[in-house]
Amino acid sequence: MGAWTKLTVTGRTCDLDGISAIMSMLDNGLMIEDYSDFSLNGMYGELVDESILNADRETVKVSIFVPEEKNLFEYRAFIDERLASLGIAAAVSAEGLREEDWAEAWKQYYKPVKLGRVTVVPAWEKYEAEDGEVTVRMDPGMAFGTGTHETTRLIIREMQKLELSGARVLDIGTGSGILSICASALGARECFAYDIDPVAVRVARDNCLSSGYNNITVDTSDLLTNVDKSEKYDICFANIVAEIIIRMLPDLSSHLAPEAPVILSGIIAPSEGEVIAAAEKYGYEVTGRAVENDWVSLTIKKRKS
């Protein structure tokens, strides 16, 4: 039997539903430690473990078990970004792994990833590109987005179906900046990348600078709050959870050029219907769909009036 690592999110009891939703995107086998409703209710106290009797009623822990062949560090970056996008204050830990090990150990999982014409290559690896191949070098640090997670791969593949040459691109939930960097490599005129997580913004800025693309602006924003409005966007990417996509949709069209395609990802399969219903409610039609494992990406456009 292979080795497993217990990955745990510790947060407030009131955030249990949000934490559980994020963790269930990675694995359905959740272990939840929630003692907020615990009561002796007639039981003899000496029959109950002391750790339960003394448990903090305001704190909850949600854990999953990650097999060794999975990219544990991509899991953690995914969790960190989703917690930030939902405004949930929580701590992420791995049983048996020291905190200082996170910074370097994840690199063993990160290898070149071919996604159509684009290949995402770790910044520290030597790689010889083939004719016609577009290479993007990344050192994502602890931000989400190395090209190994399904949600990222789906958008990178789908963006290659669009006309990016000369486009002004909006990237919501940028993580490591990988989507904006890929768009620039494929010919985008300029990209505006936003994330709610300041750590992700710092990492994305570093990645964009080191990639050599000076046409990418990275900033902090809660969805569309701080988005540059000086000009309409020709294309939009949003790699965030379904709940946040739905929250964003009512205000999105005011930022877009007519018929601008929007690629949505971060959608777990059971939530696809809700996203489609919300998109149709706000005047969009689905023009493309892609699936990988339990993840879905949708391309939508504003319906012609």
Protein backbone atom coordinates (compact mmCIF):
# COMPACT_ATOMS: atom_id res chain seq x y z
CA MET A 1 0.00 0.00 0.00
CA GLY A 2 1.34 3.44 -0.97
CA ALA A 3 2.08 6.31 1.35
CA TRP A 4 -0.55 8.94 2.12
CA THR A 5 -0.32 12.45 3.57
CA LYS A 6 -3.08 13.90 5.71
CA LEU A 7 -3.84 17.43 4.49
CA THR A 8 -5.87 19.45 6.98
CA VAL A 9 -7.61 22.82 6.95
CA THR A 10 -8.28 24.30 10.40
CA GLY A 11 -10.76 27.15 10.55
CA ARG A 12 -13.79 28.58 12.29
CA THR A 13 -16.88 26.45 12.80
CA CYS A 14 -18.99 29.03 10.96
CA ASP A 15 -16.89 28.43 7.82
CA LEU A 16 -17.34 24.64 7.83
CA ASP A 17 -19.54 24.54 4.72
CA GLY A 18 -17.10 26.62 2.68
CA ILE A 19 -14.05 24.67 3.81
CA SER A 20 -15.79 21.35 3.13
CA ALA A 21 -16.83 22.52 -0.35
CA ILE A 22 -13.23 23.40 -1.23
CA MET A 23 -11.82 20.15 0.12
CA SER A 24 -14.48 18.08 -1.63
CA MET A 25 -13.25 19.50 -4.95
CA LEU A 26 -10.05 17.56 -4.35
CA ASP A 27 -11.40 14.42 -2.69
CA ASN A 28 -14.80 13.16 -1.59
CA GLY A 29 -13.42 11.29 1.43
CA LEU A 30 -13.50 14.13 3.97
CA MET A 31 -12.66 13.68 7.64
CA ILE A 32 -14.44 16.41 9.59
CA GLU A 33 -13.68 17.23 13.23
CA ASP A 34 -16.49 19.45 14.49
CA TYR A 35 -17.45 19.39 18.17
CA SER A 36 -19.64 22.48 18.19
CA ASP A 37 -22.81 20.46 18.83
CA PHE A 38 -21.26 17.87 21.12
CA SER A 39 -23.08 17.25 24.39
CA LEU A 40 -22.73 14.60 27.07
CA ASN A 41 -26.53 14.30 26.99
CA GLY A 42 -26.70 11.90 29.89
CA MET A 43 -23.42 10.10 29.16
CA TYR A 44 -20.85 9.62 31.87
CA GLY A 45 -18.04 12.09 31.25
CA GLU A 46 -15.38 9.55 32.16
CA LEU A 47 -16.43 7.44 29.15
CA VAL A 48 -15.62 10.26 26.72
CA ASP A 49 -12.09 10.94 25.54
CA GLU A 50 -10.65 13.98 27.32
CA SER A 51 -9.58 15.53 24.01
CA ILE A 52 -13.25 15.64 22.95
CA LEU A 53 -14.40 17.07 26.25
CA ASN A 54 -11.80 19.85 25.95
CA ALA A 55 -12.17 20.44 22.22
CA ASP A 56 -12.56 23.99 20.99
CA ARG A 57 -16.20 24.41 19.96
CA GLU A 58 -15.34 27.37 17.72
CA THR A 59 -12.77 25.49 15.61
CA VAL A 60 -13.28 22.89 12.91
CA LYS A 61 -10.82 20.68 11.04
CA VAL A 62 -11.42 19.19 7.60
CA SER A 63 -8.90 16.66 6.26
CA ILE A 64 -8.28 14.64 3.13
CA PHE A 65 -5.69 11.94 2.52
CA VAL A 66 -3.46 12.53 -0.49
CA PRO A 67 -1.68 9.55 -2.11
CA GLU A 68 2.03 9.94 -2.78
CA GLU A 69 1.61 9.92 -6.57
CA LYS A 70 -0.52 13.10 -6.40
CA ASN A 71 0.96 16.59 -6.36
CA LEU A 72 0.45 17.46 -2.70
CA PHE A 73 1.79 20.97 -3.18
CA GLU A 74 -0.56 21.79 -6.02
CA TYR A 75 -3.35 20.63 -3.70
CA ARG A 76 -2.20 23.05 -1.03
CA ALA A 77 -1.88 25.98 -3.43
CA PHE A 78 -5.39 25.21 -4.74
CA ILE A 79 -6.78 25.23 -1.19
CA ASP A 80 -4.96 28.46 -0.26
CA GLU A 81 -6.33 30.29 -3.30
CA ARG A 82 -9.89 29.05 -2.85
CA LEU A 83 -9.88 29.97 0.85
CA ALA A 84 -8.72 33.46 -0.06
CA SER A 85 -11.36 33.83 -2.79
CA LEU A 86 -14.10 32.96 -0.29
CA GLY A 87 -12.61 35.21 2.41
CA ILE A 88 -12.09 32.30 4.80
CA ALA A 89 -9.32 32.63 7.37
CA ALA A 90 -7.89 29.16 7.94
CA ALA A 91 -4.60 27.30 8.35
CA VAL A 92 -3.41 24.48 6.09
CA SER A 93 -1.14 21.75 7.42
CA ALA A 94 0.20 18.35 6.37
CA GLU A 95 0.75 15.63 8.91
CA GLY A 96 4.34 14.45 8.92
CA LEU A 97 5.60 17.34 6.76
CA ARG A 98 7.38 20.29 8.32
CA GLU A 99 6.19 23.73 7.24
CA GLU A 100 9.65 24.69 5.98
CA ASP A 101 9.59 21.66 3.65
CA TRP A 102 6.72 23.13 1.61
CA ALA A 103 8.90 25.74 -0.06
CA GLU A 104 11.14 23.30 -1.95
CA ALA A 105 9.82 19.74 -1.76
CA TRP A 106 6.93 20.37 -4.18
CA LYS A 107 9.37 20.86 -7.05
CA GLN A 108 9.80 17.09 -7.44
CA TYR A 109 6.22 16.91 -8.72
CA TYR A 110 6.56 19.69 -11.26
CA LYS A 111 7.68 18.60 -14.76
CA PRO A 112 7.07 20.03 -18.27
CA VAL A 113 3.38 19.88 -19.19
CA LYS A 114 2.35 19.82 -22.86
CA LEU A 115 -1.01 21.49 -23.52
CA GLY A 116 -1.60 21.75 -27.24
CA ARG A 117 0.96 24.13 -28.76
CA VAL A 118 1.89 25.37 -25.28
CA THR A 119 4.32 23.61 -22.97
CA VAL A 120 4.66 24.84 -19.40
CA VAL A 121 8.22 24.27 -18.21
CA PRO A 122 9.64 24.63 -14.67
CA ALA A 123 11.99 27.62 -14.56
CA TRP A 124 14.84 25.45 -13.22
CA GLU A 125 14.69 22.73 -15.91
CA LYS A 126 16.46 22.58 -19.28
CA TYR A 127 14.05 22.08 -22.14
CA GLU A 128 14.45 22.10 -25.93
CA ALA A 129 11.33 23.33 -27.70
CA GLU A 130 10.16 21.69 -30.89
CA ASP A 131 9.30 23.67 -34.02
CA GLY A 132 6.07 25.58 -33.52
CA GLU A 133 5.98 24.86 -29.80
CA VAL A 134 5.32 27.77 -27.43
CA THR A 135 7.13 27.37 -24.12
CA VAL A 136 6.19 29.16 -20.92
CA ARG A 137 8.65 29.00 -18.04
CA MET A 138 7.16 29.13 -14.54
CA ASP A 139 8.32 29.18 -10.94
CA PRO A 140 4.93 29.33 -9.22
CA GLY A 141 6.22 29.34 -5.65
CA MET A 142 3.27 28.68 -3.37
CA ALA A 143 0.68 30.22 -5.71
CA PHE A 144 -1.80 28.02 -7.55
CA GLY A 145 -1.16 27.45 -11.23
CA THR A 146 1.64 25.24 -12.51
CA GLY A 147 -0.25 23.75 -15.42
CA THR A 148 -0.61 20.41 -13.65
CA HIS A 149 -4.09 20.96 -12.22
CA GLU A 150 -7.08 20.20 -14.42
CA THR A 151 -8.64 23.65 -13.99
CA THR A 152 -5.51 25.35 -15.33
CA ARG A 153 -4.96 22.86 -18.15
CA LEU A 154 -8.54 23.26 -19.36
CA ILE A 155 -8.21 27.03 -19.83
CA ILE A 156 -4.79 26.82 -21.49
CA ARG A 157 -6.14 24.32 -24.02
CA GLU A 158 -9.33 26.30 -24.62
CA MET A 159 -7.58 29.67 -25.05
CA GLN A 160 -5.68 28.21 -28.00
CA LYS A 161 -9.00 27.97 -29.86
CA LEU A 162 -9.42 31.76 -29.64
CA GLU A 163 -7.87 34.58 -31.65
CA LEU A 164 -5.46 36.02 -29.08
CA SER A 165 -3.34 38.10 -31.43
CA GLY A 166 -3.74 41.77 -30.46
CA ALA A 167 -6.35 40.98 -27.78
CA ARG A 168 -6.80 42.80 -24.48
CA VAL A 169 -7.21 40.04 -21.87
CA LEU A 170 -8.78 40.02 -18.40
CA ASP A 171 -7.58 37.27 -16.04
CA ILE A 172 -9.62 36.87 -12.83
CA GLY A 173 -8.15 34.67 -10.09
CA THR A 174 -4.74 34.68 -11.73
CA GLY A 175 -2.89 32.60 -9.10
CA SER A 176 0.66 32.24 -10.40
CA GLY A 177 -0.04 34.38 -13.47
CA ILE A 178 0.23 31.39 -15.77
CA LEU A 179 -2.86 32.16 -17.87
CA SER A 180 -1.81 35.74 -18.62
CA ILE A 181 1.70 34.58 -19.46
CA CYS A 182 0.35 31.93 -21.84
CA ALA A 183 -1.98 34.48 -23.44
CA SER A 184 0.91 36.89 -23.96
CA ALA A 185 3.04 34.09 -25.42
CA LEU A 186 0.21 33.39 -27.86
CA GLY A 187 0.04 37.01 -29.03
CA ALA A 188 -2.19 38.98 -26.63
CA ARG A 189 -1.60 42.74 -26.82
CA GLU A 190 -1.93 43.23 -23.07
CA CYS A 191 -3.20 41.28 -20.07
CA PHE A 192 -4.66 42.50 -16.79
CA ALA A 193 -4.39 39.84 -14.09
CA TYR A 194 -6.10 40.03 -10.70
CA ASP A 195 -6.23 37.93 -7.55
CA ILE A 196 -7.66 38.47 -4.08
CA ASP A 197 -4.63 36.80 -2.47
CA PRO A 198 -1.66 39.21 -2.00
CA VAL A 199 0.77 36.25 -2.03
CA ALA A 200 -0.53 35.17 -5.43
CA VAL A 201 -0.23 38.75 -6.72
CA ARG A 202 3.40 38.96 -5.61
CA VAL A 203 4.25 35.59 -7.16
CA ALA A 204 2.39 36.44 -10.39
CA ARG A 205 4.26 39.74 -10.72
CA ASP A 206 7.59 37.98 -10.28
CA ASN A 207 6.63 35.34 -12.83
CA CYS A 208 5.47 37.89 -15.38
CA LEU A 209 8.67 39.90 -15.01
CA SER A 210 10.91 36.83 -15.23
CA SER A 211 8.97 35.56 -18.26
CA GLY A 212 10.02 38.68 -20.16
CA TYR A 213 6.48 39.88 -20.91
CA ASN A 214 6.08 43.55 -19.96
CA ASN A 215 2.51 43.75 -21.24
CA ILE A 216 1.00 42.10 -18.13
CA THR A 217 -0.38 44.17 -15.26
CA VAL A 218 -0.97 42.28 -12.00
CA ASP A 219 -2.97 43.72 -9.11
CA THR A 220 -5.10 42.80 -6.11
CA SER A 221 -8.86 42.73 -6.57
CA ASP A 222 -11.88 41.07 -5.06
CA LEU A 223 -13.32 39.83 -8.35
CA LEU A 224 -14.04 42.94 -10.47
CA THR A 225 -13.72 45.59 -7.75
CA ASN A 226 -10.37 47.05 -8.83
CA VAL A 227 -10.36 46.00 -12.48
CA ASP A 228 -9.00 48.54 -14.98
CA LYS A 229 -11.97 50.05 -16.86
CA SER A 230 -10.10 52.27 -19.32
CA GLU A 231 -10.92 49.96 -22.22
CA LYS A 232 -13.13 46.94 -22.85
CA TYR A 233 -11.66 43.44 -22.78
CA ASP A 234 -11.64 41.17 -25.83
CA ILE A 235 -11.23 37.93 -23.86
CA CYS A 236 -11.69 36.96 -20.20
CA PHE A 237 -10.42 33.99 -18.17
CA ALA A 238 -11.78 33.15 -14.73
CA ASN A 239 -10.32 30.16 -12.91
CA ILE A 240 -12.27 30.33 -9.65
CA VAL A 241 -14.90 28.24 -7.86
CA ALA A 242 -18.45 27.99 -9.23
CA GLU A 243 -19.97 29.98 -6.36
CA ILE A 244 -17.67 32.93 -7.04
CA ILE A 245 -18.18 32.73 -10.81
CA ILE A 246 -21.93 33.02 -10.25
CA ARG A 247 -21.36 36.03 -7.98
CA MET A 248 -19.23 37.71 -10.65
CA LEU A 249 -21.48 37.18 -13.69
CA PRO A 250 -23.97 40.05 -13.17
CA ASP A 251 -21.22 42.70 -13.39
CA LEU A 252 -18.93 41.06 -15.94
CA SER A 253 -20.50 42.17 -19.22
CA SER A 254 -19.87 45.86 -18.53
CA HIS A 255 -16.14 45.12 -18.79
CA LEU A 256 -16.31 43.17 -22.06
CA ALA A 257 -16.26 44.07 -25.73
CA PRO A 258 -19.28 42.82 -27.74
CA GLU A 259 -19.19 39.04 -28.18
CA ALA A 260 -16.02 38.72 -26.09
CA PRO A 261 -15.50 35.05 -25.13
CA VAL A 262 -15.21 34.20 -21.44
CA ILE A 263 -13.55 30.94 -20.39
CA LEU A 264 -14.73 29.79 -16.97
CA SER A 265 -12.92 27.07 -15.04
CA GLY A 266 -12.63 25.79 -11.48
CA ILE A 267 -16.09 24.25 -11.92
CA ILE A 268 -16.55 20.86 -10.30
CA ALA A 269 -18.91 18.74 -12.42
CA PRO A 270 -21.93 18.74 -10.04
CA SER A 271 -21.93 22.58 -10.09
CA GLU A 272 -21.93 22.90 -13.88
CA GLY A 273 -25.71 23.22 -14.12
CA GLU A 274 -25.80 26.07 -11.62
CA VAL A 275 -23.15 28.00 -13.55
CA ILE A 276 -24.92 27.49 -16.87
CA ALA A 277 -28.25 28.59 -15.36
CA ALA A 278 -26.64 31.74 -13.94
CA ALA A 279 -24.89 32.50 -17.24
CA GLU A 280 -28.17 32.19 -19.16
CA LYS A 281 -29.97 34.32 -16.58
CA TYR A 282 -27.51 37.17 -17.20
CA GLY A 283 -27.71 36.98 -20.97
CA TYR A 284 -24.88 34.61 -21.91
CA GLU A 285 -24.88 31.53 -24.09
CA VAL A 286 -22.52 28.57 -23.77
CA THR A 287 -20.36 28.27 -26.89
CA GLY A 288 -17.82 25.71 -25.67
CA ARG A 289 -17.34 23.04 -23.05
CA ALA A 290 -14.37 20.90 -22.01
CA VAL A 291 -14.03 18.24 -19.33
CA GLU A 292 -11.10 16.63 -17.55
CA ASN A 293 -11.76 14.16 -14.76
CA ASP A 294 -14.38 15.82 -12.51
CA TRP A 295 -13.64 19.36 -13.73
CA VAL A 296 -15.47 21.40 -16.36
CA SER A 297 -14.61 24.55 -18.25
CA LEU A 298 -17.25 26.57 -20.08
CA THR A 299 -16.78 29.18 -22.78
CA ILE A 300 -19.59 31.71 -22.79
CA LYS A 301 -20.49 34.79 -24.84
CA LYS A 302 -23.09 37.51 -24.38
CA ARG A 303 -26.15 36.74 -26.50
CA LYS A 304 -26.80 39.09 -29.40
CA SER A 305 -29.69 41.38 -28.62
